[in-house]
Amino acid sequence: MSRLFDNYVMVDWSAAAKPSLGVDSIWIGILRRDVRLQLRFEAQNPPTRHGALETISTLLTEFDKRGDRTLIGFDFPMGYPHGTAAALKLEGPAWQAMHLFLSKEIKDKTNNANNRFQVAARMNRLISNGPFPFWGCPPRDVLTTLDSKKTRPHEASDLPEHRLTEQLVKAASPVWKLFTAGSVGSQALVGIPIVQKLRDLREDARIWPFETGFKPLIREDLKDVRIVMAEIYPSMLKTQGKAGEVKDLAQVRAIGAHFAGLDEAGKLSACFGPAKSLTAAQITIVEQEEGWILGV
């Protein structure tokens, strides 16, 4: 059998500061195989990030009993533009240093209250000693090192505004934008610690492309791996939801079906490898620091 995975769990994330359901909340789309090995879809809408972690952990325990391998997609960046870890004077592999830094600094309570704006302000102070490169917050969270609006454009001497993968997906928002429509920066700040928690709990989990390599994956590469976590961008597909259906629900179902279809056809393997336009140096940057959107 050529397919890489048995189940596909797609997560539409939220950085909401209080429990929420429905529109603009967390949606988890699950495509799992039944006793006849047919894929069945279900969705869950946990009101908090802690609830989402529990939901995903429970699913993985169920899949373990069957010896399944699962692809988990999160719709937020798992890495930062090249040079960010160095600008923060973090030690060790860049992607891992950022994950450990955020896991230590982000305080995310069980009711979704969190300190993401304060952490972003601190990172701005360490990087530029001003309100740059992170920007966007409610008026009550404005600080000397975090403004509600973008204060200036990125210059050649600054950290890049966009990661390499975002340069190929023109509609993708930069990780520095933390607030208002289209922002993904806050989701990354509170989401990366969740990914790290899942990784810490499982010896058989890997974060792509940092731990798998930025290359087409084959079954032999995943011999001892039961969980692969990857960044996704559901908006890369044109999704038509059912009447009255929450858009986020429609998107996690569509992106899950998309990857499952590619896997069934033996075409998902190539999605884990680099775009042909990338140089060797850029591939190294993606693999060691920035990460990549699966399927781009």
Protein backbone atom coordinates (compact mmCIF):
# COMPACT_ATOMS: atom_id res chain seq x y z
CA MET A 1 0.00 0.00 0.00
CA SER A 2 1.53 3.29 -1.10
CA ARG A 3 -0.25 5.76 1.14
CA LEU A 4 1.69 7.36 3.99
CA PHE A 5 -1.11 7.95 6.51
CA ASP A 6 -4.21 6.28 7.86
CA ASN A 7 -5.87 9.38 9.33
CA TYR A 8 -5.82 13.12 8.63
CA VAL A 9 -6.50 15.67 11.37
CA MET A 10 -6.73 19.28 10.19
CA VAL A 11 -6.86 22.10 12.75
CA ASP A 12 -8.16 25.61 12.18
CA TRP A 13 -6.59 27.48 15.10
CA SER A 14 -7.63 30.50 17.13
CA ALA A 15 -5.84 32.92 19.45
CA ALA A 16 -9.10 34.01 21.12
CA ALA A 17 -8.63 35.37 24.65
CA LYS A 18 -11.80 33.70 25.96
CA PRO A 19 -13.66 30.45 25.22
CA SER A 20 -15.47 30.61 21.89
CA LEU A 21 -17.48 28.41 19.53
CA GLY A 22 -18.63 28.69 15.94
CA VAL A 23 -17.17 31.37 13.69
CA ASP A 24 -13.50 32.28 14.32
CA SER A 25 -12.94 29.54 16.87
CA ILE A 26 -11.00 26.27 16.82
CA TRP A 27 -12.26 23.64 14.40
CA ILE A 28 -10.73 20.18 14.21
CA GLY A 29 -11.60 18.18 11.11
CA ILE A 30 -10.94 14.45 11.40
CA LEU A 31 -10.79 12.01 8.52
CA ARG A 32 -10.38 8.55 10.04
CA ARG A 33 -10.71 5.07 8.60
CA ASP A 34 -13.54 2.84 9.71
CA VAL A 35 -13.49 -0.95 10.03
CA ARG A 36 -13.80 -1.23 6.26
CA LEU A 37 -10.86 1.19 5.84
CA GLN A 38 -13.16 3.83 4.38
CA LEU A 39 -12.51 7.44 5.40
CA ARG A 40 -15.19 9.03 7.55
CA PHE A 41 -15.30 12.72 8.44
CA GLU A 42 -16.19 14.23 11.78
CA ALA A 43 -15.56 17.65 13.29
CA GLN A 44 -15.04 18.96 16.78
CA ASN A 45 -15.21 22.56 17.97
CA PRO A 46 -13.46 22.79 21.35
CA PRO A 47 -13.95 26.21 23.00
CA THR A 48 -10.36 26.52 24.28
CA ARG A 49 -6.83 25.65 23.20
CA HIS A 50 -6.43 23.40 26.23
CA GLY A 51 -9.57 21.60 25.11
CA ALA A 52 -8.13 21.26 21.61
CA LEU A 53 -4.95 19.71 23.00
CA GLU A 54 -7.03 17.21 24.98
CA THR A 55 -9.15 16.41 21.92
CA ILE A 56 -6.13 15.75 19.73
CA SER A 57 -4.40 13.70 22.44
CA THR A 58 -7.52 11.55 22.86
CA LEU A 59 -7.74 10.98 19.11
CA LEU A 60 -4.11 9.92 18.94
CA THR A 61 -4.63 7.45 21.79
CA GLU A 62 -7.51 5.92 19.84
CA PHE A 63 -5.40 5.73 16.69
CA ASP A 64 -2.54 4.13 18.63
CA LYS A 65 -4.73 1.14 19.44
CA ARG A 66 -4.96 0.44 15.72
CA GLY A 67 -1.30 1.15 15.00
CA ASP A 68 -2.28 4.03 12.72
CA ARG A 69 -0.12 6.80 11.34
CA THR A 70 -1.65 10.28 11.40
CA LEU A 71 -1.00 13.57 9.62
CA ILE A 72 -1.91 16.59 11.75
CA GLY A 73 -2.12 19.95 10.02
CA PHE A 74 -2.16 23.27 11.88
CA ASP A 75 -3.05 26.48 10.07
CA PHE A 76 -0.34 28.68 11.55
CA PRO A 77 3.40 29.12 10.92
CA MET A 78 5.68 26.77 12.84
CA GLY A 79 8.76 28.86 12.11
CA TYR A 80 9.81 32.50 11.83
CA PRO A 81 11.64 34.44 9.11
CA HIS A 82 15.33 33.72 8.73
CA GLY A 83 17.42 35.38 11.43
CA THR A 84 14.73 35.73 14.10
CA ALA A 85 16.27 33.31 16.58
CA ALA A 86 19.68 34.95 16.13
CA ALA A 87 18.17 38.42 16.65
CA LEU A 88 16.72 37.17 19.94
CA LYS A 89 20.16 35.72 20.81
CA LEU A 90 18.72 32.23 21.23
CA GLU A 91 21.04 29.25 21.22
CA GLY A 92 20.68 25.94 19.43
CA PRO A 93 18.87 25.01 16.21
CA ALA A 94 16.84 28.06 15.19
CA TRP A 95 13.41 26.43 14.87
CA GLN A 96 13.81 24.52 18.12
CA ALA A 97 15.14 27.55 19.98
CA MET A 98 12.03 29.51 18.95
CA HIS A 99 9.72 26.68 20.00
CA LEU A 100 11.37 26.39 23.40
CA PHE A 101 11.40 30.18 23.87
CA LEU A 102 7.69 30.52 23.16
CA SER A 103 6.84 27.45 25.24
CA LYS A 104 8.55 29.14 28.18
CA GLU A 105 7.27 32.69 27.65
CA ILE A 106 3.65 32.19 26.56
CA LYS A 107 1.21 31.82 29.45
CA ASP A 108 -2.06 30.43 28.14
CA LYS A 109 -4.69 29.73 30.79
CA THR A 110 -7.43 27.11 30.61
CA ASN A 111 -9.98 29.88 29.90
CA ASN A 112 -7.90 31.09 26.89
CA ALA A 113 -6.59 34.22 28.67
CA ASN A 114 -3.02 34.68 27.46
CA ASN A 115 -0.06 37.06 27.36
CA ARG A 116 0.71 36.93 23.64
CA PHE A 117 0.84 40.71 23.17
CA GLN A 118 3.21 41.15 26.10
CA VAL A 119 5.49 38.43 24.73
CA ALA A 120 5.47 40.05 21.29
CA ALA A 121 6.34 43.41 22.88
CA ARG A 122 9.25 41.80 24.70
CA MET A 123 10.49 40.20 21.49
CA ASN A 124 10.28 43.59 19.75
CA ARG A 125 12.37 45.11 22.54
CA LEU A 126 15.01 42.41 22.13
CA ILE A 127 15.04 42.69 18.34
CA SER A 128 14.73 46.43 17.70
CA ASN A 129 14.15 48.16 21.05
CA GLY A 130 10.97 49.57 19.49
CA PRO A 131 7.54 48.57 18.12
CA PHE A 132 8.99 46.43 15.31
CA PRO A 133 8.73 43.87 13.70
CA PHE A 134 5.59 42.61 15.53
CA TRP A 135 2.55 44.86 15.24
CA GLY A 136 -1.20 44.85 15.79
CA CYS A 137 -3.10 44.74 19.08
CA PRO A 138 -6.19 46.21 20.78
CA PRO A 139 -5.71 49.76 22.16
CA ARG A 140 -5.50 48.45 25.75
CA ASP A 141 -2.45 46.33 24.84
CA VAL A 142 -0.40 49.09 23.18
CA LEU A 143 3.05 49.43 24.72
CA THR A 144 6.18 51.39 23.85
CA THR A 145 7.40 48.29 21.99
CA LEU A 146 4.08 47.21 20.43
CA ASP A 147 1.80 49.41 18.39
CA SER A 148 -1.74 48.78 17.15
CA LYS A 149 -0.60 49.50 13.58
CA LYS A 150 2.44 48.78 11.44
CA THR A 151 4.97 51.47 12.24
CA ARG A 152 7.31 51.19 9.24
CA PRO A 153 8.18 48.98 6.25
CA HIS A 154 10.86 46.29 6.43
CA GLU A 155 14.23 47.49 5.17
CA ALA A 156 17.01 45.38 3.69
CA SER A 157 18.84 45.34 7.04
CA ASP A 158 15.74 44.15 8.94
CA LEU A 159 14.42 40.66 9.46
CA PRO A 160 12.39 39.64 6.38
CA GLU A 161 8.72 40.53 6.43
CA HIS A 162 7.76 37.20 4.88
CA ARG A 163 9.08 33.68 5.07
CA LEU A 164 10.10 32.03 1.80
CA THR A 165 6.91 29.97 1.66
CA GLU A 166 4.78 33.11 2.08
CA GLN A 167 6.51 34.69 -0.89
CA LEU A 168 4.95 31.95 -3.02
CA VAL A 169 1.52 32.32 -1.41
CA LYS A 170 0.87 36.00 -1.98
CA ALA A 171 -2.28 36.13 0.14
CA ALA A 172 -0.58 34.69 3.22
CA SER A 173 -0.26 37.18 6.07
CA PRO A 174 3.17 37.80 7.67
CA VAL A 175 3.80 36.23 11.06
CA TRP A 176 4.50 39.70 12.49
CA LYS A 177 0.85 40.78 12.16
CA LEU A 178 -0.94 39.94 15.42
CA PHE A 179 -4.42 41.42 15.20
CA THR A 180 -7.43 42.10 12.95
CA ALA A 181 -8.61 40.23 9.86
CA GLY A 182 -6.12 37.94 8.17
CA SER A 183 -3.60 38.01 11.00
CA VAL A 184 -1.79 34.78 11.81
CA GLY A 185 0.93 36.01 14.17
CA SER A 186 -1.08 35.53 17.35
CA GLN A 187 -2.09 32.01 16.29
CA ALA A 188 1.58 31.13 15.91
CA LEU A 189 2.50 32.57 19.32
CA VAL A 190 -0.09 30.49 21.17
CA GLY A 191 -0.06 27.57 18.73
CA ILE A 192 3.63 26.67 18.62
CA PRO A 193 3.68 25.82 22.36
CA ILE A 194 0.80 23.37 21.73
CA VAL A 195 2.73 21.71 18.91
CA GLN A 196 5.76 21.48 21.20
CA LYS A 197 3.64 19.90 23.96
CA LEU A 198 2.38 17.26 21.56
CA ARG A 199 5.93 16.64 20.37
CA ASP A 200 7.24 16.33 23.94
CA LEU A 201 4.56 13.76 24.76
CA ARG A 202 5.40 11.50 21.85
CA GLU A 203 8.68 9.88 20.88
CA ASP A 204 7.02 8.76 17.65
CA ALA A 205 6.00 12.29 16.57
CA ARG A 206 7.89 14.55 14.16
CA ILE A 207 7.47 18.17 13.11
CA TRP A 208 7.83 18.65 9.37
CA PRO A 209 10.14 19.77 7.82
CA PHE A 210 12.42 20.39 10.79
CA GLU A 211 12.66 16.79 11.97
CA THR A 212 11.83 14.86 8.81
CA GLY A 213 13.94 16.76 6.33
CA PHE A 214 12.57 18.99 3.59
CA LYS A 215 12.26 16.19 1.04
CA PRO A 216 9.62 13.90 -0.44
CA LEU A 217 8.70 11.39 2.25
CA ILE A 218 8.30 7.67 1.67
CA ARG A 219 7.01 4.99 4.02
CA GLU A 220 10.55 3.94 4.95
CA ASP A 221 11.24 7.47 6.23
CA LEU A 222 8.31 7.07 8.63
CA LYS A 223 9.04 3.55 9.84
CA ASP A 224 9.22 4.57 13.51
CA VAL A 225 6.94 7.62 13.17
CA ARG A 226 3.23 7.58 13.99
CA ILE A 227 2.51 11.33 13.93
CA VAL A 228 3.65 14.01 11.49
CA MET A 229 2.71 17.60 12.32
CA ALA A 230 2.76 20.11 9.48
CA GLU A 231 1.75 23.66 8.67
CA ILE A 232 -1.27 23.98 6.39
CA TYR A 233 -3.02 26.86 4.66
CA PRO A 234 -6.67 25.90 4.07
CA SER A 235 -7.31 29.05 2.01
CA MET A 236 -5.07 27.63 -0.72
CA LEU A 237 -8.17 25.68 -1.80
CA LYS A 238 -11.38 27.22 -3.11
CA THR A 239 -13.87 25.74 -0.65
CA GLN A 240 -17.62 25.64 -1.12
CA GLY A 241 -19.32 24.90 2.21
CA LYS A 242 -22.80 23.57 2.81
CA ALA A 243 -25.67 26.00 3.34
CA GLY A 244 -25.35 27.69 6.73
CA GLU A 245 -22.05 25.95 7.48
CA VAL A 246 -19.23 27.72 9.29
CA LYS A 247 -16.47 28.48 6.79
CA ASP A 248 -13.74 27.11 9.07
CA LEU A 249 -15.51 23.75 9.27
CA ALA A 250 -15.83 23.56 5.49
CA GLN A 251 -12.15 24.41 5.10
CA VAL A 252 -10.79 21.74 7.47
CA ARG A 253 -12.97 19.13 5.76
CA ALA A 254 -11.79 20.23 2.30
CA ILE A 255 -8.08 20.41 3.12
CA GLY A 256 -8.23 17.02 4.86
CA ALA A 257 -9.94 15.46 1.85
CA HIS A 258 -7.38 17.11 -0.43
CA PHE A 259 -4.40 15.58 1.34
CA ALA A 260 -6.15 12.22 1.75
CA GLY A 261 -6.86 12.14 -1.98
CA LEU A 262 -3.25 12.95 -2.83
CA ASP A 263 -2.09 10.25 -0.42
CA GLU A 264 -4.41 7.63 -1.93
CA ALA A 265 -3.05 8.49 -5.37
CA GLY A 266 0.57 8.25 -4.18
CA LYS A 267 1.11 11.97 -4.74
CA LEU A 268 1.33 13.27 -1.16
CA SER A 269 4.97 12.23 -0.82
CA ALA A 270 6.14 14.97 -3.17
CA CYS A 271 4.29 17.65 -1.18
CA PHE A 272 6.80 17.23 1.65
CA GLY A 273 9.65 18.22 -0.64
CA PRO A 274 10.87 21.65 -1.77
CA ALA A 275 9.51 23.78 -4.57
CA LYS A 276 11.68 23.55 -7.70
CA SER A 277 12.42 27.27 -7.55
CA LEU A 278 14.34 27.04 -4.25
CA THR A 279 18.13 27.10 -4.08
CA ALA A 280 20.14 24.79 -1.83
CA ALA A 281 20.70 27.67 0.60
CA GLN A 282 16.97 28.42 0.74
CA ILE A 283 16.16 24.76 1.36
CA THR A 284 18.48 24.85 4.35
CA ILE A 285 16.74 27.97 5.71
CA VAL A 286 13.34 26.28 5.39
CA GLU A 287 14.55 23.07 7.00
CA GLN A 288 16.38 24.69 9.88
CA GLU A 289 14.31 27.77 10.71
CA GLU A 290 11.36 28.96 8.65
CA GLY A 291 9.31 25.88 7.93
CA TRP A 292 6.97 25.54 4.96
CA ILE A 293 3.27 25.28 4.08
CA LEU A 294 2.40 21.72 3.07
CA GLY A 295 1.39 21.56 -0.56
CA VAL A 296 2.97 24.85 -1.67
